[in-house]
């Protein structure tokens, strides 16, 4: 179904087209200089020592947990209020994903809940879906900077260090965001960004690992390229690897988009401010920005509907008016596949309560004020008529 006002829309300009066309006219479509340039520029932008471009954010997260040593019988803790890849990467390695409930305001992991989980795991009193979670087997905490807002990293990293848990920064939705003046992606062992077309900048499909540990990047470069060793021959493989490479066309688009990332983030912030103003004195609650967030990187614009509202009817009403909306997010532990693993309602009450009320509205760089006004007026009309 086509929408007059879609949920998202990539911002592609003439320079982006020229950048991709230039690669297409060359003889180097893979494993070339554009990937290296993109990696260098992203690392410089976030303040990391190195970066490794891959074909998706999911691939980036997978390589990071593998490098962290996550394996069969281990546990990975993450948010239940995130895109499913944050948890799925544990299952790729035959580990088991467990969840930590979220803060009601920021929608990020509640650090106090994380501390409670670690304490119970250390005492041997943490049973989740029939798994006795031993703190020594809790290898990874996947912190998520949800919707472009950093989680509270200082106390999180302190806890991870105290309990010998490897922290990974899932910033797939948050490139350019800042926590207390530091850009996300730089916390823990390594971070990941994603560049799907609905993200702040896009490479079509693609992701990237950033780290200040050169060994992490060395291993990631090998694993993304079928486990080939550094400087070794094309058919010489030193470890298990994958075909997770980013192609040159995607990297060229990424380089071009990255040049105007700050302008894009400023534009998206202005779109968010306009929405916030339009929702003043209405029953719709805009997203809360934490005091430690010194720069929000708006990925989506998610509001909370009043309690008791039938969100499905709201979505259908707006769709009939040509406006696309979506429930962001359905809790991971309540997805059909995760129910098969033993998860059920009531296990993470804050995430479950919030997820029933959240709604993503059309949000992209070039949405006009008139379109935003129509979105807001239609939503308020829907609340009155069918909510």
Protein backbone atom coordinates (compact mmCIF):
# COMPACT_ATOMS: atom_id res chain seq x y z
CA UNK A 1 0.00 0.00 0.00
CA UNK A 2 1.36 3.42 -0.92
CA UNK A 3 1.12 6.31 1.52
CA UNK A 4 0.93 10.03 0.82
CA UNK A 5 2.98 10.56 3.97
CA UNK A 6 5.20 7.49 4.54
CA UNK A 7 6.85 6.49 7.79
CA UNK A 8 10.34 7.14 6.44
CA UNK A 9 12.09 8.23 3.27
CA UNK A 10 15.83 8.21 2.46
CA UNK A 11 17.44 11.54 1.65
CA UNK A 12 19.38 10.98 -1.58
CA UNK A 13 20.86 13.97 -3.42
CA UNK A 14 22.78 14.45 -6.65
CA UNK A 15 26.17 13.99 -4.99
CA UNK A 16 25.06 10.62 -3.65
CA UNK A 17 24.05 9.51 -7.14
CA UNK A 18 27.34 10.70 -8.61
CA UNK A 19 29.32 8.87 -5.92
CA UNK A 20 27.64 5.55 -6.68
CA UNK A 21 27.80 6.12 -10.44
CA UNK A 22 31.55 6.74 -10.18
CA UNK A 23 32.06 3.34 -8.60
CA UNK A 24 29.85 1.64 -11.17
CA UNK A 25 31.98 3.13 -13.96
CA UNK A 26 35.15 1.80 -12.33
CA UNK A 27 36.32 -1.79 -12.31
CA UNK A 28 36.37 -2.00 -8.52
CA UNK A 29 32.95 -3.03 -7.14
CA UNK A 30 34.09 -4.93 -4.03
CA UNK A 31 36.99 -4.87 -1.56
CA UNK A 32 38.23 -1.52 -2.76
CA UNK A 33 39.19 1.99 -1.66
CA UNK A 34 35.68 3.28 -0.92
CA UNK A 35 35.16 0.77 1.88
CA UNK A 36 38.47 1.81 3.41
CA UNK A 37 37.58 5.49 3.07
CA UNK A 38 34.19 4.96 4.67
CA UNK A 39 35.76 3.08 7.58
CA UNK A 40 38.35 5.80 8.13
CA UNK A 41 35.78 8.58 8.09
CA UNK A 42 33.34 6.86 10.43
CA UNK A 43 36.13 6.08 12.92
CA UNK A 44 37.27 9.70 12.84
CA UNK A 45 33.71 10.99 13.22
CA UNK A 46 32.92 8.97 16.36
CA UNK A 47 36.41 9.15 17.86
CA UNK A 48 37.28 5.45 17.58
CA UNK A 49 40.63 3.96 16.64
CA UNK A 50 39.26 1.82 13.83
CA UNK A 51 36.14 0.73 11.95
CA UNK A 52 35.09 -2.30 9.90
CA UNK A 53 32.30 -1.96 7.34
CA UNK A 54 29.92 -4.90 6.89
CA UNK A 55 26.69 -5.66 5.05
CA UNK A 56 24.25 -4.95 7.91
CA UNK A 57 23.98 -3.79 11.49
CA UNK A 58 23.03 -7.34 12.41
CA UNK A 59 26.30 -8.62 10.93
CA UNK A 60 28.21 -6.01 12.94
CA UNK A 61 26.55 -7.12 16.19
CA UNK A 62 27.12 -10.78 15.36
CA UNK A 63 30.83 -10.30 14.80
CA UNK A 64 31.14 -8.30 18.02
CA UNK A 65 29.53 -11.01 20.19
CA UNK A 66 31.65 -13.66 18.50
CA UNK A 67 34.81 -11.67 19.16
CA UNK A 68 33.66 -11.24 22.77
CA UNK A 69 33.77 -15.04 23.10
CA UNK A 70 30.03 -15.67 23.41
CA UNK A 71 29.36 -19.36 22.83
CA UNK A 72 27.09 -22.33 23.54
CA UNK A 73 25.67 -22.28 27.05
CA UNK A 74 26.51 -18.62 27.61
CA UNK A 75 24.10 -15.75 28.17
CA UNK A 76 23.71 -12.32 26.61
CA UNK A 77 21.67 -9.64 28.39
CA UNK A 78 19.94 -6.88 26.47
CA UNK A 79 16.81 -4.79 26.32
CA UNK A 80 13.40 -6.34 25.57
CA UNK A 81 12.48 -3.04 23.87
CA UNK A 82 14.69 -3.08 20.80
CA UNK A 83 14.95 -4.44 17.28
CA UNK A 84 15.11 -8.22 17.44
CA UNK A 85 18.69 -8.45 16.12
CA UNK A 86 20.05 -7.24 19.47
CA UNK A 87 18.96 -10.57 20.97
CA UNK A 88 19.08 -12.84 17.92
CA UNK A 89 22.86 -12.59 17.63
CA UNK A 90 23.12 -14.60 20.87
CA UNK A 91 21.14 -17.42 19.29
CA UNK A 92 23.47 -17.37 16.26
CA UNK A 93 26.19 -18.57 18.66
CA UNK A 94 23.90 -21.02 20.52
CA UNK A 95 23.91 -18.75 23.56
CA UNK A 96 20.68 -17.70 25.29
CA UNK A 97 19.42 -14.10 25.31
CA UNK A 98 18.01 -12.73 28.55
CA UNK A 99 16.45 -9.34 29.09
CA UNK A 100 16.62 -6.37 31.43
CA UNK A 101 13.56 -4.19 31.87
CA UNK A 102 13.62 -0.57 30.74
CA UNK A 103 13.21 2.88 32.26
CA UNK A 104 9.80 4.35 31.67
CA UNK A 105 11.13 7.77 30.62
CA UNK A 106 14.10 7.05 28.35
CA UNK A 107 12.97 3.58 27.14
CA UNK A 108 16.56 2.41 27.59
CA UNK A 109 17.68 -0.37 29.94
CA UNK A 110 17.09 0.44 33.60
CA UNK A 111 20.56 0.37 35.17
CA UNK A 112 19.12 -0.55 38.57
CA UNK A 113 17.36 -3.52 36.97
CA UNK A 114 20.66 -4.55 35.37
CA UNK A 115 22.39 -4.38 38.76
CA UNK A 116 19.65 -6.49 40.34
CA UNK A 117 19.99 -9.09 37.57
CA UNK A 118 23.77 -9.28 38.05
CA UNK A 119 23.44 -9.61 41.83
CA UNK A 120 20.91 -12.44 41.51
CA UNK A 121 23.07 -14.19 38.90
CA UNK A 122 26.07 -13.99 41.24
CA UNK A 123 24.02 -15.51 44.08
CA UNK A 124 22.80 -18.29 41.78
CA UNK A 125 19.21 -17.14 42.16
CA UNK A 126 18.42 -16.14 38.58
CA UNK A 127 16.24 -18.57 36.67
CA UNK A 128 14.93 -17.46 33.27
CA UNK A 129 12.86 -19.77 31.08
CA UNK A 130 14.29 -22.80 32.85
CA UNK A 131 17.90 -21.60 32.51
CA UNK A 132 19.93 -21.11 35.67
CA UNK A 133 21.89 -17.97 34.77
CA UNK A 134 25.35 -18.21 36.33
CA UNK A 135 27.11 -14.85 36.37
CA UNK A 136 30.27 -16.54 35.06
CA UNK A 137 28.33 -17.55 31.93
CA UNK A 138 26.77 -14.11 31.49
CA UNK A 139 29.36 -13.03 28.96
CA UNK A 140 27.87 -10.01 27.15
CA UNK A 141 25.68 -7.03 27.89
CA UNK A 142 24.30 -5.57 24.66
CA UNK A 143 23.47 -1.96 25.53
CA UNK A 144 21.00 -0.35 23.12
CA UNK A 145 20.83 3.37 22.37
CA UNK A 146 17.16 3.15 21.48
CA UNK A 147 15.62 5.52 18.92
CA UNK A 148 18.86 7.53 18.83
CA UNK A 149 19.10 8.27 22.58
CA UNK A 150 22.15 6.97 24.47
CA UNK A 151 21.61 4.73 27.43
CA UNK A 152 23.22 5.72 30.74
CA UNK A 153 26.67 4.37 30.00
CA UNK A 154 28.80 5.43 33.01
CA UNK A 155 27.06 3.28 35.66
CA UNK A 156 26.47 0.55 33.08
CA UNK A 157 30.17 0.20 32.29
CA UNK A 158 31.01 0.26 35.98
CA UNK A 159 28.66 -2.67 36.58
CA UNK A 160 30.00 -4.59 33.59
CA UNK A 161 33.55 -4.17 34.85
CA UNK A 162 32.60 -5.23 38.39
CA UNK A 163 30.91 -8.41 37.18
CA UNK A 164 33.34 -9.16 34.34
CA UNK A 165 30.74 -8.79 31.60
CA UNK A 166 31.76 -7.55 28.16
CA UNK A 167 29.77 -4.46 27.15
CA UNK A 168 28.86 -3.87 23.51
CA UNK A 169 27.27 -0.65 22.29
CA UNK A 170 24.35 -1.33 19.95
CA UNK A 171 24.14 2.12 18.37
CA UNK A 172 22.51 0.88 15.20
CA UNK A 173 19.83 3.57 15.64
CA UNK A 174 22.03 6.32 17.03
CA UNK A 175 24.93 7.46 14.87
CA UNK A 176 25.97 10.95 15.94
CA UNK A 177 24.25 10.82 19.33
CA UNK A 178 26.28 12.00 22.30
CA UNK A 179 26.37 10.85 25.92
CA UNK A 180 27.85 13.53 28.18
CA UNK A 181 29.67 14.96 25.16
CA UNK A 182 31.03 11.62 23.91
CA UNK A 183 29.71 10.08 20.70
CA UNK A 184 28.00 6.73 21.03
CA UNK A 185 29.49 3.61 19.53
CA UNK A 186 32.63 4.19 21.60
CA UNK A 187 31.43 2.54 24.81
CA UNK A 188 32.49 -0.95 25.79
CA UNK A 189 34.49 -3.35 23.62
CA UNK A 190 33.01 -1.96 20.43
CA UNK A 191 29.93 -0.43 18.88
CA UNK A 192 27.79 -0.93 15.81
CA UNK A 193 25.90 1.39 13.47
CA UNK A 194 23.38 0.42 10.79
CA UNK A 195 22.53 2.15 7.52
CA UNK A 196 19.21 0.74 6.37
CA UNK A 197 17.20 3.28 4.26
CA UNK A 198 15.16 4.44 7.27
CA UNK A 199 18.25 5.39 9.26
CA UNK A 200 19.75 8.87 9.65
CA UNK A 201 22.13 8.11 6.78
CA UNK A 202 21.97 5.13 4.48
CA UNK A 203 24.16 2.84 2.41
CA UNK A 204 21.11 0.93 1.14
CA UNK A 205 21.97 -2.09 3.26
CA UNK A 206 24.99 -1.96 5.51
CA UNK A 207 26.53 -1.57 8.93
CA UNK A 208 29.83 -0.85 10.59
CA UNK A 209 31.80 -1.85 13.69
CA UNK A 210 33.76 0.83 15.55
CA UNK A 211 36.26 0.15 18.32
CA UNK A 212 39.31 1.54 20.05
CA UNK A 213 40.74 -1.97 20.30
CA UNK A 214 42.74 -2.67 17.16
CA UNK A 215 42.55 -6.42 17.79
CA UNK A 216 38.73 -6.25 17.62
CA UNK A 217 38.93 -4.64 14.19
CA UNK A 218 41.58 -7.08 13.00
CA UNK A 219 39.40 -10.05 13.91
CA UNK A 220 36.27 -8.42 12.47
CA UNK A 221 38.02 -7.78 9.13
CA UNK A 222 39.01 -11.42 8.93
CA UNK A 223 35.61 -12.78 9.97
CA UNK A 224 33.65 -10.57 7.56
CA UNK A 225 35.78 -11.92 4.71
CA UNK A 226 35.39 -15.70 5.12
CA UNK A 227 38.05 -15.89 7.85
CA UNK A 228 40.93 -14.92 5.62
CA UNK A 229 44.09 -13.93 7.46
CA UNK A 230 45.74 -10.55 7.21
CA UNK A 231 47.94 -10.53 4.13
CA UNK A 232 47.21 -14.18 3.37
CA UNK A 233 46.15 -15.56 0.01
CA UNK A 234 42.59 -15.44 -1.29
CA UNK A 235 41.92 -19.13 -0.63
CA UNK A 236 43.74 -19.26 2.72
CA UNK A 237 41.43 -19.20 5.74
CA UNK A 238 42.69 -19.03 9.31
CA UNK A 239 39.36 -18.98 11.21
CA UNK A 240 35.63 -19.41 10.74
CA UNK A 241 34.30 -16.47 8.80
CA UNK A 242 31.33 -15.15 6.88
CA UNK A 243 30.55 -13.22 3.75
CA UNK A 244 29.65 -10.03 5.62
CA UNK A 245 31.51 -7.63 3.34
CA UNK A 246 30.17 -4.21 2.34
CA UNK A 247 30.37 -3.54 -1.40
CA UNK A 248 32.00 -0.46 -2.95
CA UNK A 249 28.72 1.11 -4.16
CA UNK A 250 27.27 1.04 -0.65
CA UNK A 251 30.47 2.47 0.80
CA UNK A 252 30.54 5.27 -1.76
CA UNK A 253 26.99 6.21 -0.83
CA UNK A 254 28.00 6.09 2.83
CA UNK A 255 30.95 8.42 2.28
CA UNK A 256 28.74 10.90 0.46
CA UNK A 257 25.99 10.76 3.09
CA UNK A 258 28.45 11.02 5.97
CA UNK A 259 29.67 14.37 4.63
CA UNK A 260 26.31 15.92 5.56
CA UNK A 261 25.50 13.84 8.64
CA UNK A 262 25.60 16.78 11.04
CA UNK A 263 23.33 18.80 8.74
CA UNK A 264 20.95 15.83 8.56
CA UNK A 265 20.92 15.44 12.34
CA UNK A 266 20.19 19.16 12.76
CA UNK A 267 17.35 18.92 10.26
CA UNK A 268 15.86 15.88 12.00
CA UNK A 269 16.13 17.66 15.35
CA UNK A 270 14.14 20.55 13.87
CA UNK A 271 11.47 18.13 12.62
CA UNK A 272 11.27 16.67 16.13
CA UNK A 273 10.98 20.14 17.67
CA UNK A 274 8.09 20.96 15.33
CA UNK A 275 6.30 17.77 16.35
CA UNK A 276 6.93 18.52 20.04
CA UNK A 277 5.38 21.96 19.64
CA UNK A 278 2.36 20.57 17.81
CA UNK A 279 1.73 18.06 20.61
CA UNK A 280 1.74 20.63 23.38
CA UNK A 281 -1.47 20.60 25.41
CA UNK A 282 -2.64 17.32 23.82
CA UNK A 283 -3.05 13.84 25.35
CA UNK A 284 -0.14 12.57 23.23
CA UNK A 285 3.21 12.30 25.02
CA UNK A 286 6.42 13.05 23.04
CA UNK A 287 9.67 11.19 23.69
CA UNK A 288 11.62 12.15 26.82
CA UNK A 289 15.25 13.26 26.42
CA UNK A 290 17.53 12.37 29.33
CA UNK A 291 19.73 15.06 30.93
CA UNK A 292 22.87 13.08 30.04
CA UNK A 293 21.95 13.12 26.33
CA UNK A 294 23.99 16.01 25.02
CA UNK A 295 22.96 15.24 21.45
CA UNK A 296 19.94 13.24 20.38
CA UNK A 297 20.27 11.50 17.02
CA UNK A 298 16.63 11.24 15.99
CA UNK A 299 16.08 7.89 14.25
CA UNK A 300 12.29 7.74 14.55
CA UNK A 301 9.74 9.99 16.18
CA UNK A 302 7.83 7.84 18.67
CA UNK A 303 5.00 9.11 20.84
CA UNK A 304 3.01 7.50 23.62
CA UNK A 305 -0.72 7.32 23.23
CA UNK A 306 -3.00 7.66 26.26
CA UNK A 307 -3.44 4.45 28.24
CA UNK A 308 -6.33 2.26 27.14
CA UNK A 309 -6.28 3.47 23.53
CA UNK A 310 -6.76 0.84 20.82
CA UNK A 311 -3.58 1.47 18.84
CA UNK A 312 -4.48 -0.88 15.99
CA UNK A 313 -7.57 1.18 15.24
CA UNK A 314 -5.46 4.34 15.29
CA UNK A 315 -2.99 2.82 12.80
CA UNK A 316 -5.83 1.69 10.51
CA UNK A 317 -7.57 5.07 10.66
CA UNK A 318 -4.41 6.94 9.72
CA UNK A 319 -3.59 4.47 6.96
CA UNK A 320 -6.98 5.15 5.39
CA UNK A 321 -6.04 8.83 5.42
CA UNK A 322 -2.79 8.04 3.59
CA UNK A 323 -0.52 8.36 6.62
CA UNK A 324 1.77 5.50 7.60
CA UNK A 325 2.41 4.76 11.29
CA UNK A 326 3.80 1.74 13.11
CA UNK A 327 4.04 0.27 16.60
CA UNK A 328 7.66 0.70 17.74
CA UNK A 329 8.47 -1.76 19.31
CA UNK A 330 6.74 -5.04 20.02
CA UNK A 331 8.73 -6.48 22.93
CA UNK A 332 11.32 -8.99 21.74
CA UNK A 333 10.43 -11.55 24.42
CA UNK A 334 6.80 -11.55 23.21
CA UNK A 335 7.63 -12.20 19.57
CA UNK A 336 6.27 -15.61 18.45
CA UNK A 337 9.70 -17.22 18.19
CA UNK A 338 10.76 -16.03 21.65
CA UNK A 339 7.58 -17.37 23.19
CA UNK A 340 8.76 -20.76 21.94
CA UNK A 341 11.89 -20.26 24.06
CA UNK A 342 9.74 -19.90 27.19
CA UNK A 343 9.12 -16.16 27.41
CA UNK A 344 5.67 -14.85 28.29
CA UNK A 345 3.73 -11.80 29.42
CA UNK A 346 4.53 -10.27 32.78
CA UNK A 347 8.28 -10.90 32.75
CA UNK A 348 9.30 -7.33 31.88
CA UNK A 349 6.35 -5.18 32.95
CA UNK A 350 7.64 -1.71 32.10
CA UNK A 351 8.63 -2.65 28.56
CA UNK A 352 5.32 -4.43 28.07
CA UNK A 353 3.31 -1.48 29.37
CA UNK A 354 5.17 1.04 27.23
CA UNK A 355 5.11 -1.08 24.07
CA UNK A 356 1.30 -1.09 24.10
CA UNK A 357 1.26 2.71 23.85
CA UNK A 358 4.14 3.64 21.54
CA UNK A 359 3.50 4.76 17.97
CA UNK A 360 6.04 5.86 15.36
CA UNK A 361 4.92 8.76 13.18
CA UNK A 362 6.18 9.81 9.73
CA UNK A 363 9.68 11.15 10.25
CA UNK A 364 12.31 11.96 7.66
CA UNK A 365 14.63 14.80 6.70
CA UNK A 366 12.42 16.57 4.20
CA UNK A 367 8.99 16.17 5.74
CA UNK A 368 7.27 19.56 5.57
CA UNK A 369 5.63 21.45 8.39
CA UNK A 370 2.31 21.18 6.54
CA UNK A 371 2.69 17.38 6.40
CA UNK A 372 3.54 17.29 10.10
CA UNK A 373 0.49 19.38 10.91
CA UNK A 374 -1.65 16.92 8.95
CA UNK A 375 -0.10 13.97 10.79
CA UNK A 376 -0.82 15.53 14.18
CA UNK A 377 -4.34 16.69 13.37
CA UNK A 378 -5.19 13.27 11.92
CA UNK A 379 -3.81 11.48 14.99
CA UNK A 380 -5.82 13.68 17.34
CA UNK A 381 -8.89 13.10 15.18
CA UNK A 382 -8.28 9.35 15.31
CA UNK A 383 -7.99 9.41 19.11
CA UNK A 384 -11.33 11.17 19.31
CA UNK A 385 -13.17 8.99 16.80
CA UNK A 386 -11.80 5.46 17.05
CA UNK A 387 -9.38 5.36 19.99
